[in-house]
PDB file of N, CA and C in Angstrom:
ATOM      1  N   MET A   1       0.811  -1.193   0.000  1.00  0.00           N
ATOM      2  CA  MET A   1       0.000   0.000   0.000  1.00  0.00           C
ATOM      3  C   MET A   1       0.861   1.266   0.000  1.00  0.00           C
ATOM      4  N   ILE A   2       1.969   1.220   0.698  1.00  0.00           N
ATOM      5  CA  ILE A   2       2.860   2.376   0.752  1.00  0.00           C
ATOM      6  C   ILE A   2       3.463   2.639  -0.626  1.00  0.00           C
ATOM      7  N   ILE A   3       3.776   1.591  -1.363  1.00  0.00           N
ATOM      8  CA  ILE A   3       4.329   1.748  -2.709  1.00  0.00           C
ATOM      9  C   ILE A   3       3.323   2.461  -3.606  1.00  0.00           C
ATOM     10  N   PHE A   4       2.054   2.141  -3.455  1.00  0.00           N
ATOM     11  CA  PHE A   4       1.008   2.799  -4.233  1.00  0.00           C
ATOM     12  C   PHE A   4       0.996   4.302  -3.959  1.00  0.00           C
ATOM     13  N   TYR A   5       1.128   4.693  -2.707  1.00  0.00           N
ATOM     14  CA  TYR A   5       1.144   6.119  -2.352  1.00  0.00           C
ATOM     15  C   TYR A   5       2.393   6.818  -2.907  1.00  0.00           C
ATOM     16  N   ILE A   6       3.506   6.134  -2.857  1.00  0.00           N
ATOM     17  CA  ILE A   6       4.742   6.720  -3.381  1.00  0.00           C
ATOM     18  C   ILE A   6       4.633   6.931  -4.889  1.00  0.00           C
ATOM     19  N   ILE A   7       4.109   5.929  -5.602  1.00  0.00           N
ATOM     20  CA  ILE A   7       3.924   6.058  -7.042  1.00  0.00           C
ATOM     21  C   ILE A   7       2.946   7.174  -7.355  1.00  0.00           C
ATOM     22  N   TYR A   8       1.871   7.267  -6.595  1.00  0.00           N
ATOM     23  CA  TYR A   8       0.871   8.313  -6.793  1.00  0.00           C
ATOM     24  C   TYR A   8       1.483   9.700  -6.597  1.00  0.00           C
ATOM     25  N   ILE A   9       2.279   9.866  -5.561  1.00  0.00           N
ATOM     26  CA  ILE A   9       2.915  11.159  -5.284  1.00  0.00           C
ATOM     27  C   ILE A   9       3.916  11.501  -6.390  1.00  0.00           C
ATOM     28  N   LEU A  10       4.669  10.518  -6.845  1.00  0.00           N
ATOM     29  CA  LEU A  10       5.628  10.769  -7.920  1.00  0.00           C
ATOM     30  C   LEU A  10       4.924  11.150  -9.215  1.00  0.00           C
ATOM     31  N   LEU A  11       3.851  10.475  -9.541  1.00  0.00           N
ATOM     32  CA  LEU A  11       3.083  10.827 -10.734  1.00  0.00           C
ATOM     33  C   LEU A  11       2.491  12.232 -10.618  1.00  0.00           C
ATOM     34  N   LEU A  12       1.984  12.555  -9.462  1.00  0.00           N
ATOM     35  CA  LEU A  12       1.434  13.887  -9.225  1.00  0.00           C
ATOM     36  C   LEU A  12       2.516  14.951  -9.361  1.00  0.00           C
ATOM     37  N   LEU A  13       3.698  14.656  -8.868  1.00  0.00           N
ATOM     38  CA  LEU A  13       4.824  15.584  -8.979  1.00  0.00           C
ATOM     39  C   LEU A  13       5.238  15.768 -10.441  1.00  0.00           C
ATOM     40  N   ILE A  14       5.259  14.695 -11.204  1.00  0.00           N
ATOM     41  CA  ILE A  14       5.618  14.778 -12.626  1.00  0.00           C
ATOM     42  C   ILE A  14       4.606  15.618 -13.381  1.00  0.00           C
ATOM     43  N   VAL A  15       3.325  15.398 -13.128  1.00  0.00           N
ATOM     44  CA  VAL A  15       2.272  16.167 -13.793  1.00  0.00           C
ATOM     45  C   VAL A  15       2.383  17.647 -13.421  1.00  0.00           C
ATOM     46  N   ALA A  16       2.673  17.928 -12.159  1.00  0.00           N
ATOM     47  CA  ALA A  16       2.813  19.320 -11.720  1.00  0.00           C
ATOM     48  C   ALA A  16       4.005  19.988 -12.403  1.00  0.00           C
ATOM     49  N   LEU A  17       5.117  19.279 -12.544  1.00  0.00           N
ATOM     50  CA  LEU A  17       6.294  19.841 -13.220  1.00  0.00           C
ATOM     51  C   LEU A  17       6.027  20.083 -14.699  1.00  0.00           C
ATOM     52  N   LEU A  18       5.326  19.170 -15.333  1.00  0.00           N
ATOM     53  CA  LEU A  18       4.971  19.364 -16.738  1.00  0.00           C
ATOM     54  C   LEU A  18       4.040  20.561 -16.911  1.00  0.00           C
ATOM     55  N   ALA A  19       3.066  20.695 -16.021  1.00  0.00           N
ATOM     56  CA  ALA A  19       2.148  21.835 -16.093  1.00  0.00           C
ATOM     57  C   ALA A  19       2.904  23.139 -15.882  1.00  0.00           C
ATOM     58  N   TYR A  20       3.857  23.148 -14.963  1.00  0.00           N
ATOM     59  CA  TYR A  20       4.656  24.343 -14.722  1.00  0.00           C
ATOM     60  C   TYR A  20       5.511  24.695 -15.949  1.00  0.00           C
ATOM     61  N   ALA A  21       6.086  23.669 -16.602  1.00  0.00           N
ATOM     62  CA  ALA A  21       6.885  23.907 -17.806  1.00  0.00           C
ATOM     63  C   ALA A  21       6.018  24.477 -18.927  1.00  0.00           C
ATOM     64  N   VAL A  22       4.830  23.942 -19.114  1.00  0.00           N
ATOM     65  CA  VAL A  22       3.919  24.451 -20.138  1.00  0.00           C
ATOM     66  C   VAL A  22       3.516  25.883 -19.806  1.00  0.00           C
ATOM     67  N   PHE A  23       3.266  26.159 -18.539  1.00  0.00           N
ATOM     68  CA  PHE A  23       2.912  27.515 -18.113  1.00  0.00           C
ATOM     69  C   PHE A  23       4.043  28.494 -18.421  1.00  0.00           C
ATOM     70  N   GLN A  24       5.272  28.094 -18.158  1.00  0.00           N
ATOM     71  CA  GLN A  24       6.418  28.955 -18.430  1.00  0.00           C
ATOM     72  C   GLN A  24       6.578  29.211 -19.931  1.00  0.00           C
ATOM     73  N   LEU A  25       6.354  28.185 -20.741  1.00  0.00           N
ATOM     74  CA  LEU A  25       6.436  28.366 -22.190  1.00  0.00           C
ATOM     75  C   LEU A  25       5.352  29.317 -22.679  1.00  0.00           C
ATOM     76  N   LYS A  26       4.155  29.153 -22.164  1.00  0.00           N
ATOM     77  CA  LYS A  26       3.060  30.049 -22.549  1.00  0.00           C
ATOM     78  C   LYS A  26       3.344  31.473 -22.083  1.00  0.00           C
ATOM     79  N   LEU A  27       3.987  31.615 -20.946  1.00  0.00           N
ATOM     80  CA  LEU A  27       4.343  32.928 -20.425  1.00  0.00           C
ATOM     81  C   LEU A  27       5.325  33.635 -21.361  1.00  0.00           C
ATOM     82  N   PHE A  28       6.231  32.889 -21.978  1.00  0.00           N
ATOM     83  CA  PHE A  28       7.158  33.431 -22.962  1.00  0.00           C
ATOM     84  C   PHE A  28       6.490  33.667 -24.304  1.00  0.00           C
ATOM     85  N   GLY A  29       5.281  33.146 -24.488  1.00  0.00           N
ATOM     86  CA  GLY A  29       4.577  33.289 -25.750  1.00  0.00           C
ATOM     87  C   GLY A  29       4.984  32.255 -26.780  1.00  0.00           C
ATOM     88  N   ILE A  30       5.405  31.101 -26.312  1.00  0.00           N
ATOM     89  CA  ILE A  30       5.878  30.033 -27.187  1.00  0.00           C
ATOM     90  C   ILE A  30       4.846  28.917 -27.217  1.00  0.00           C
ATOM     91  N   ASN A  31       4.544  28.430 -28.418  1.00  0.00           N
ATOM     92  CA  ASN A  31       3.683  27.263 -28.547  1.00  0.00           C
ATOM     93  C   ASN A  31       4.482  26.006 -28.234  1.00  0.00           C
ATOM     94  N   ILE A  32       3.813  25.000 -27.724  1.00  0.00           N
ATOM     95  CA  ILE A  32       4.487  23.744 -27.394  1.00  0.00           C
ATOM     96  C   ILE A  32       5.064  23.104 -28.659  1.00  0.00           C
ATOM     97  N   LYS A  33       4.317  23.159 -29.747  1.00  0.00           N
ATOM     98  CA  LYS A  33       4.778  22.574 -31.005  1.00  0.00           C
ATOM     99  C   LYS A  33       6.039  23.288 -31.500  1.00  0.00           C
ATOM    100  N   ASP A  34       6.074  24.615 -31.379  1.00  0.00           N
ATOM    101  CA  ASP A  34       7.258  25.375 -31.779  1.00  0.00           C
ATOM    102  C   ASP A  34       8.457  25.031 -30.907  1.00  0.00           C
ATOM    103  N   PHE A  35       8.212  24.857 -29.613  1.00  0.00           N
ATOM    104  CA  PHE A  35       9.299  24.517 -28.708  1.00  0.00           C
ATOM    105  C   PHE A  35       9.836  23.128 -29.007  1.00  0.00           C
ATOM    106  N   TRP A  36       8.942  22.201 -29.325  1.00  0.00           N
ATOM    107  CA  TRP A  36       9.389  20.849 -29.654  1.00  0.00           C
ATOM    108  C   TRP A  36      10.209  20.858 -30.949  1.00  0.00           C
ATOM    109  N   SER A  37       9.776  21.632 -31.943  1.00  0.00           N
ATOM    110  CA  SER A  37      10.546  21.716 -33.182  1.00  0.00           C
ATOM    111  C   SER A  37      11.892  22.390 -32.926  1.00  0.00           C
ATOM    112  N   PHE A  38      11.956  23.311 -31.969  1.00  0.00           N
ATOM    113  CA  PHE A  38      13.221  23.929 -31.582  1.00  0.00           C
ATOM    114  C   PHE A  38      14.160  22.897 -30.964  1.00  0.00           C
ATOM    115  N   ILE A  39      13.638  22.029 -30.125  1.00  0.00           N
ATOM    116  CA  ILE A  39      14.468  20.988 -29.504  1.00  0.00           C
ATOM    117  C   ILE A  39      15.027  20.058 -30.579  1.00  0.00           C
ATOM    118  N   GLU A  40      14.185  19.661 -31.529  1.00  0.00           N
ATOM    119  CA  GLU A  40      14.655  18.809 -32.618  1.00  0.00           C
ATOM    120  C   GLU A  40      15.677  19.537 -33.484  1.00  0.00           C
ATOM    121  N   ALA A  41      15.429  20.812 -33.760  1.00  0.00           N
ATOM    122  CA  ALA A  41      16.358  21.602 -34.575  1.00  0.00           C
ATOM    123  C   ALA A  41      17.685  21.785 -33.859  1.00  0.00           C
ATOM    124  N   ASN A  42      17.646  21.870 -32.558  1.00  0.00           N
ATOM    125  CA  ASN A  42      18.871  22.012 -31.778  1.00  0.00           C
ATOM    126  C   ASN A  42      19.737  20.763 -31.909  1.00  0.00           C
ATOM    127  N   GLN A  43      19.108  19.608 -31.944  1.00  0.00           N
ATOM    128  CA  GLN A  43      19.856  18.368 -32.145  1.00  0.00           C
ATOM    129  C   GLN A  43      20.437  18.306 -33.554  1.00  0.00           C
ATOM    130  N   VAL A  44      19.673  18.752 -34.535  1.00  0.00           N
ATOM    131  CA  VAL A  44      20.155  18.763 -35.918  1.00  0.00           C
ATOM    132  C   VAL A  44      21.278  19.790 -36.063  1.00  0.00           C
ATOM    133  N   LEU A  45      21.176  20.897 -35.316  1.00  0.00           N
ATOM    134  CA  LEU A  45      22.212  21.934 -35.382  1.00  0.00           C
ATOM    135  C   LEU A  45      23.567  21.369 -34.997  1.00  0.00           C
ATOM    136  N   ASP A  46      23.611  20.520 -33.993  1.00  0.00           N
ATOM    137  CA  ASP A  46      24.879  19.927 -33.583  1.00  0.00           C
ATOM    138  C   ASP A  46      25.502  19.102 -34.705  1.00  0.00           C
ATOM    139  N   SER A  47      24.684  18.336 -35.401  1.00  0.00           N
ATOM    140  CA  SER A  47      25.235  17.509 -36.474  1.00  0.00           C
ATOM    141  C   SER A  47      25.589  18.340 -37.703  1.00  0.00           C
ATOM    142  N   ILE A  48      24.758  19.312 -38.030  1.00  0.00           N
ATOM    143  CA  ILE A  48      25.018  20.124 -39.223  1.00  0.00           C
ATOM    144  C   ILE A  48      26.175  21.099 -38.976  1.00  0.00           C
ATOM    145  N   TYR A  49      26.425  21.445 -37.731  1.00  0.00           N
ATOM    146  CA  TYR A  49      27.549  22.319 -37.403  1.00  0.00           C
ATOM    147  C   TYR A  49      28.870  21.648 -37.778  1.00  0.00           C
ATOM    148  N   SER A  50      29.023  20.405 -37.400  1.00  0.00           N
ATOM    149  CA  SER A  50      30.266  19.697 -37.748  1.00  0.00           C
ATOM    150  C   SER A  50      30.352  19.469 -39.258  1.00  0.00           C
ATOM    151  N   TYR A  51      29.214  19.288 -39.881  1.00  0.00           N
ATOM    152  CA  TYR A  51      29.161  19.078 -41.326  1.00  0.00           C
ATOM    153  C   TYR A  51      29.450  20.373 -42.081  1.00  0.00           C
ATOM    154  N   SER A  52      29.088  21.512 -41.492  1.00  0.00           N
ATOM    155  CA  SER A  52      29.247  22.797 -42.182  1.00  0.00           C
ATOM    156  C   SER A  52      30.700  23.247 -42.263  1.00  0.00           C
ATOM    157  N   LYS A  53      31.556  22.660 -41.475  1.00  0.00           N
ATOM    158  CA  LYS A  53      32.965  23.043 -41.515  1.00  0.00           C
ATOM    159  C   LYS A  53      33.625  22.684 -42.837  1.00  0.00           C
ATOM    160  N   LYS A  54      33.021  21.737 -43.545  1.00  0.00           N
ATOM    161  CA  LYS A  54      33.590  21.334 -44.835  1.00  0.00           C
ATOM    162  C   LYS A  54      32.640  21.656 -45.983  1.00  0.00           C
ATOM    163  N   TYR A  55      31.926  22.754 -45.874  1.00  0.00           N
ATOM    164  CA  TYR A  55      30.918  23.089 -46.878  1.00  0.00           C
ATOM    165  C   TYR A  55      31.514  23.331 -48.256  1.00  0.00           C
ATOM    166  N   ASP A  56      32.774  23.745 -48.327  1.00  0.00           N
ATOM    167  CA  ASP A  56      33.393  24.025 -49.622  1.00  0.00           C
ATOM    168  C   ASP A  56      33.784  22.751 -50.378  1.00  0.00           C
ATOM    169  N   ARG A  57      33.751  21.603 -49.702  1.00  0.00           N
ATOM    170  CA  ARG A  57      34.095  20.338 -50.348  1.00  0.00           C
ATOM    171  C   ARG A  57      32.868  19.441 -50.550  1.00  0.00           C
ATOM    172  N   MET A  58      31.694  19.985 -50.439  1.00  0.00           N
ATOM    173  CA  MET A  58      30.476  19.190 -50.570  1.00  0.00           C
ATOM    174  C   MET A  58      30.127  18.959 -52.037  1.00  0.00           C
ATOM    175  N   SER A  59      29.529  17.817 -52.274  1.00  0.00           N
ATOM    176  CA  SER A  59      28.998  17.543 -53.613  1.00  0.00           C
ATOM    177  C   SER A  59      27.698  18.339 -53.774  1.00  0.00           C
ATOM    178  N   PRO A  60      27.206  18.490 -54.989  1.00  0.00           N
ATOM    179  CA  PRO A  60      25.951  19.241 -55.181  1.00  0.00           C
ATOM    180  C   PRO A  60      24.765  18.660 -54.388  1.00  0.00           C
ATOM    181  N   GLN A  61      24.685  17.345 -54.268  1.00  0.00           N
ATOM    182  CA  GLN A  61      23.605  16.735 -53.494  1.00  0.00           C
ATOM    183  C   GLN A  61      23.765  17.056 -52.009  1.00  0.00           C
ATOM    184  N   GLU A  62      24.987  16.999 -51.516  1.00  0.00           N
ATOM    185  CA  GLU A  62      25.239  17.337 -50.114  1.00  0.00           C
ATOM    186  C   GLU A  62      24.936  18.809 -49.850  1.00  0.00           C
ATOM    187  N   GLN A  63      25.224  19.661 -50.812  1.00  0.00           N
ATOM    188  CA  GLN A  63      24.911  21.083 -50.661  1.00  0.00           C
ATOM    189  C   GLN A  63      23.409  21.298 -50.519  1.00  0.00           C
ATOM    190  N   ILE A  64      22.639  20.608 -51.339  1.00  0.00           N
ATOM    191  CA  ILE A  64      21.186  20.755 -51.277  1.00  0.00           C
ATOM    192  C   ILE A  64      20.654  20.276 -49.935  1.00  0.00           C
ATOM    193  N   VAL A  65      21.164  19.146 -49.469  1.00  0.00           N
ATOM    194  CA  VAL A  65      20.739  18.624 -48.159  1.00  0.00           C
ATOM    195  C   VAL A  65      21.115  19.613 -47.059  1.00  0.00           C
ATOM    196  N   PHE A  66      22.333  20.136 -47.128  1.00  0.00           N
ATOM    197  CA  PHE A  66      22.776  21.110 -46.127  1.00  0.00           C
ATOM    198  C   PHE A  66      21.876  22.342 -46.128  1.00  0.00           C
ATOM    199  N   LEU A  67      21.559  22.860 -47.306  1.00  0.00           N
ATOM    200  CA  LEU A  67      20.727  24.055 -47.403  1.00  0.00           C
ATOM    201  C   LEU A  67      19.327  23.802 -46.846  1.00  0.00           C
ATOM    202  N   LYS A  68      18.747  22.667 -47.158  1.00  0.00           N
ATOM    203  CA  LYS A  68      17.400  22.338 -46.652  1.00  0.00           C
ATOM    204  C   LYS A  68      17.401  22.188 -45.133  1.00  0.00           C
ATOM    205  N   GLU A  69      18.388  21.474 -44.608  1.00  0.00           N
ATOM    206  CA  GLU A  69      18.481  21.277 -43.158  1.00  0.00           C
ATOM    207  C   GLU A  69      18.693  22.620 -42.449  1.00  0.00           C
ATOM    208  N   ALA A  70      19.552  23.452 -43.022  1.00  0.00           N
ATOM    209  CA  ALA A  70      19.824  24.755 -42.420  1.00  0.00           C
ATOM    210  C   ALA A  70      18.570  25.626 -42.418  1.00  0.00           C
ATOM    211  N   GLU A  71      17.806  25.602 -43.496  1.00  0.00           N
ATOM    212  CA  GLU A  71      16.566  26.389 -43.555  1.00  0.00           C
ATOM    213  C   GLU A  71      15.574  25.938 -42.495  1.00  0.00           C
ATOM    214  N   GLN A  72      15.496  24.634 -42.257  1.00  0.00           N
ATOM    215  CA  GLN A  72      14.600  24.129 -41.214  1.00  0.00           C
ATOM    216  C   GLN A  72      15.065  24.576 -39.834  1.00  0.00           C
ATOM    217  N   ILE A  73      16.364  24.578 -39.629  1.00  0.00           N
ATOM    218  CA  ILE A  73      16.909  25.043 -38.346  1.00  0.00           C
ATOM    219  C   ILE A  73      16.601  26.517 -38.140  1.00  0.00           C
ATOM    220  N   PHE A  74      16.835  27.322 -39.168  1.00  0.00           N
ATOM    221  CA  PHE A  74      16.589  28.755 -39.044  1.00  0.00           C
ATOM    222  C   PHE A  74      15.122  29.039 -38.755  1.00  0.00           C
ATOM    223  N   GLU A  75      14.242  28.301 -39.400  1.00  0.00           N
ATOM    224  CA  GLU A  75      12.804  28.491 -39.182  1.00  0.00           C
ATOM    225  C   GLU A  75      12.418  28.156 -37.748  1.00  0.00           C
ATOM    226  N   ALA A  76      12.954  27.071 -37.214  1.00  0.00           N
ATOM    227  CA  ALA A  76      12.633  26.679 -35.841  1.00  0.00           C
ATOM    228  C   ALA A  76      13.223  27.659 -34.832  1.00  0.00           C
ATOM    229  N   PHE A  77      14.436  28.122 -35.075  1.00  0.00           N
ATOM    230  CA  PHE A  77      15.082  29.043 -34.139  1.00  0.00           C
ATOM    231  C   PHE A  77      14.432  30.425 -34.172  1.00  0.00           C
ATOM    232  N   ASP A  78      13.862  30.809 -35.311  1.00  0.00           N
ATOM    233  CA  ASP A  78      13.209  32.116 -35.412  1.00  0.00           C
ATOM    234  C   ASP A  78      11.962  32.215 -34.546  1.00  0.00           C
ATOM    235  N   LYS A  79      11.341  31.100 -34.232  1.00  0.00           N
ATOM    236  CA  LYS A  79      10.116  31.093 -33.450  1.00  0.00           C
ATOM    237  C   LYS A  79      10.364  31.158 -31.949  1.00  0.00           C
ATOM    238  N   ILE A  80      11.621  31.032 -31.541  1.00  0.00           N
ATOM    239  CA  ILE A  80      11.979  30.978 -30.127  1.00  0.00           C
ATOM    240  C   ILE A  80      12.787  32.224 -29.770  1.00  0.00           C
ATOM    241  N   PRO A  81      12.516  32.839 -28.617  1.00  0.00           N
ATOM    242  CA  PRO A  81      13.307  34.014 -28.207  1.00  0.00           C
ATOM    243  C   PRO A  81      14.791  33.669 -28.075  1.00  0.00           C
ATOM    244  N   GLU A  82      15.622  34.619 -28.451  1.00  0.00           N
ATOM    245  CA  GLU A  82      17.073  34.394 -28.443  1.00  0.00           C
ATOM    246  C   GLU A  82      17.624  34.105 -27.053  1.00  0.00           C
ATOM    247  N   ALA A  83      16.952  34.547 -26.026  1.00  0.00           N
ATOM    248  CA  ALA A  83      17.433  34.311 -24.667  1.00  0.00           C
ATOM    249  C   ALA A  83      17.495  32.824 -24.334  1.00  0.00           C
ATOM    250  N   LEU A  84      16.663  32.025 -24.985  1.00  0.00           N
ATOM    251  CA  LEU A  84      16.647  30.589 -24.701  1.00  0.00           C
ATOM    252  C   LEU A  84      17.745  29.824 -25.432  1.00  0.00           C
ATOM    253  N   TRP A  85      18.275  30.379 -26.507  1.00  0.00           N
ATOM    254  CA  TRP A  85      19.293  29.648 -27.263  1.00  0.00           C
ATOM    255  C   TRP A  85      20.583  30.430 -27.445  1.00  0.00           C
ATOM    256  N   GLU A  86      20.858  31.335 -26.526  1.00  0.00           N
ATOM    257  CA  GLU A  86      22.065  32.156 -26.675  1.00  0.00           C
ATOM    258  C   GLU A  86      23.351  31.337 -26.551  1.00  0.00           C
ATOM    259  N   GLU A  87      23.320  30.213 -25.862  1.00  0.00           N
ATOM    260  CA  GLU A  87      24.529  29.395 -25.753  1.00  0.00           C
ATOM    261  C   GLU A  87      24.824  28.637 -27.049  1.00  0.00           C
ATOM    262  N   GLU A  88      23.839  28.499 -27.902  1.00  0.00           N
ATOM    263  CA  GLU A  88      24.025  27.842 -29.192  1.00  0.00           C
ATOM    264  C   GLU A  88      24.294  28.859 -30.309  1.00  0.00           C
ATOM    265  N   TYR A  89      24.413  30.128 -29.954  1.00  0.00           N
ATOM    266  CA  TYR A  89      24.549  31.177 -30.958  1.00  0.00           C
ATOM    267  C   TYR A  89      25.809  31.006 -31.806  1.00  0.00           C
ATOM    268  N   GLY A  90      26.886  30.548 -31.214  1.00  0.00           N
ATOM    269  CA  GLY A  90      28.134  30.353 -31.968  1.00  0.00           C
ATOM    270  C   GLY A  90      27.957  29.349 -33.095  1.00  0.00           C
ATOM    271  N   LYS A  91      27.355  28.212 -32.775  1.00  0.00           N
ATOM    272  CA  LYS A  91      27.104  27.197 -33.805  1.00  0.00           C
ATOM    273  C   LYS A  91      26.124  27.730 -34.843  1.00  0.00           C
ATOM    274  N   TYR A  92      25.099  28.409 -34.373  1.00  0.00           N
ATOM    275  CA  TYR A  92      24.083  28.954 -35.276  1.00  0.00           C
ATOM    276  C   TYR A  92      24.707  29.940 -36.256  1.00  0.00           C
ATOM    277  N   SER A  93      25.568  30.809 -35.758  1.00  0.00           N
ATOM    278  CA  SER A  93      26.167  31.820 -36.631  1.00  0.00           C
ATOM    279  C   SER A  93      27.125  31.198 -37.648  1.00  0.00           C
ATOM    280  N   VAL A  94      27.850  30.146 -37.260  1.00  0.00           N
ATOM    281  CA  VAL A  94      28.741  29.461 -38.201  1.00  0.00           C
ATOM    282  C   VAL A  94      27.926  28.801 -39.308  1.00  0.00           C
ATOM    283  N   VAL A  95      26.843  28.130 -38.928  1.00  0.00           N
ATOM    284  CA  VAL A  95      25.986  27.486 -39.922  1.00  0.00           C
ATOM    285  C   VAL A  95      25.348  28.538 -40.826  1.00  0.00           C
ATOM    286  N   LEU A  96      24.917  29.656 -40.249  1.00  0.00           N
ATOM    287  CA  LEU A  96      24.313  30.728 -41.034  1.00  0.00           C
ATOM    288  C   LEU A  96      25.310  31.316 -42.028  1.00  0.00           C
ATOM    289  N   GLU A  97      26.529  31.541 -41.594  1.00  0.00           N
ATOM    290  CA  GLU A  97      27.559  32.097 -42.478  1.00  0.00           C
ATOM    291  C   GLU A  97      27.866  31.138 -43.627  1.00  0.00           C
ATOM    292  N   ASN A  98      28.004  29.860 -43.306  1.00  0.00           N
ATOM    293  CA  ASN A  98      28.262  28.876 -44.355  1.00  0.00           C
ATOM    294  C   ASN A  98      27.066  28.724 -45.279  1.00  0.00           C
ATOM    295  N   TYR A  99      25.885  28.847 -44.736  1.00  0.00           N
ATOM    296  CA  TYR A  99      24.658  28.806 -45.548  1.00  0.00           C
ATOM    297  C   TYR A  99      24.653  29.957 -46.554  1.00  0.00           C
ATOM    298  N   LYS A 100      24.990  31.142 -46.081  1.00  0.00           N
ATOM    299  CA  LYS A 100      25.034  32.312 -46.974  1.00  0.00           C
ATOM    300  C   LYS A 100      26.090  32.138 -48.058  1.00  0.00           C
ATOM    301  N   ASN A 101      27.269  31.687 -47.668  1.00  0.00           N
ATOM    302  CA  ASN A 101      28.347  31.488 -48.647  1.00  0.00           C
ATOM    303  C   ASN A 101      27.965  30.443 -49.689  1.00  0.00           C
ATOM    304  N   LEU A 102      27.358  29.370 -49.245  1.00  0.00           N
ATOM    305  CA  LEU A 102      26.954  28.309 -50.158  1.00  0.00           C
ATOM    306  C   LEU A 102      25.837  28.769 -51.084  1.00  0.00           C
ATOM    307  N   LYS A 103      24.895  29.542 -50.557  1.00  0.00           N
ATOM    308  CA  LYS A 103      23.809  30.081 -51.378  1.00  0.00           C
ATOM    309  C   LYS A 103      24.362  31.001 -52.455  1.00  0.00           C
ATOM    310  N   ILE A 104      25.298  31.864 -52.081  1.00  0.00           N
ATOM    311  CA  ILE A 104      25.911  32.790 -53.043  1.00  0.00           C
ATOM    312  C   ILE A 104      26.695  32.020 -54.101  1.00  0.00           C
ATOM    313  N   ALA A 105      27.433  31.003 -53.680  1.00  0.00           N
ATOM    314  CA  ALA A 105      28.219  30.215 -54.630  1.00  0.00           C
ATOM    315  C   ALA A 105      27.311  29.474 -55.609  1.00  0.00           C
ATOM    316  N   ARG A 106      26.224  28.916 -55.118  1.00  0.00           N
ATOM    317  CA  ARG A 106      25.293  28.206 -56.007  1.00  0.00           C
ATOM    318  C   ARG A 106      24.591  29.196 -56.936  1.00  0.00           C
ATOM    319  N   TRP A 107      24.273  30.369 -56.446  1.00  0.00           N
ATOM    320  CA  TRP A 107      23.636  31.393 -57.273  1.00  0.00           C
ATOM    321  C   TRP A 107      24.593  31.844 -58.378  1.00  0.00           C
ATOM    322  N   ALA A 108      25.872  32.015 -58.028  1.00  0.00           N
ATOM    323  CA  ALA A 108      26.870  32.426 -59.002  1.00  0.00           C
ATOM    324  C   ALA A 108      27.060  31.346 -60.076  1.00  0.00           C
ATOM    325  N   GLU A 109      27.018  30.082 -59.672  1.00  0.00           N
ATOM    326  CA  GLU A 109      27.143  28.993 -60.643  1.00  0.00           C
ATOM    327  C   GLU A 109      25.979  28.998 -61.626  1.00  0.00           C
ATOM    328  N   LEU A 110      24.781  29.238 -61.114  1.00  0.00           N
ATOM    329  CA  LEU A 110      23.600  29.224 -61.976  1.00  0.00           C
ATOM    330  C   LEU A 110      23.576  30.401 -62.938  1.00  0.00           C
ATOM    331  N   ASN A 111      24.138  31.524 -62.528  1.00  0.00           N
ATOM    332  CA  ASN A 111      24.103  32.720 -63.348  1.00  0.00           C
ATOM    333  C   ASN A 111      25.327  32.906 -64.250  1.00  0.00           C
ATOM    334  N   SER A 112      26.249  31.980 -64.166  1.00  0.00           N
ATOM    335  CA  SER A 112      27.436  32.123 -65.038  1.00  0.00           C
ATOM    336  C   SER A 112      27.354  31.237 -66.255  1.00  0.00           C
TER     337      SER A 112
END
C-alpha cells in the first residue's frame, strides 16, 4: 500500500512539473509545437555544425541537403526568443555564415 502512495505522489509531482513547464512556455509566448521543433532543430544543429565546416568540399547533393536542413533550423530558431538559445549562438552563426556562402556560390554557378 505504501508503494502505491509513493507512485501516486511521484506521478502527481511529474504532472505538476509538466504543467509548470507548459505555463512557463506560454508565459514566454511560445507554442508547445514550436518549442518541440526547436528541440529537434537544436539536435540537428549539432550535427550540421560539424558538417558545415567542410561546406566548400560538398557535392551538389550534399549542398542541397545542407541548405534544406539549415533552412529548417533557421525556421525553428526564429520562433523561439534568443534568450533561450544564446549558448548555441556560436554554432548557429557558423551554420548561417556557411549557408550564406553556399547560397551565393550556387547562385553564381547558376548565373554564369
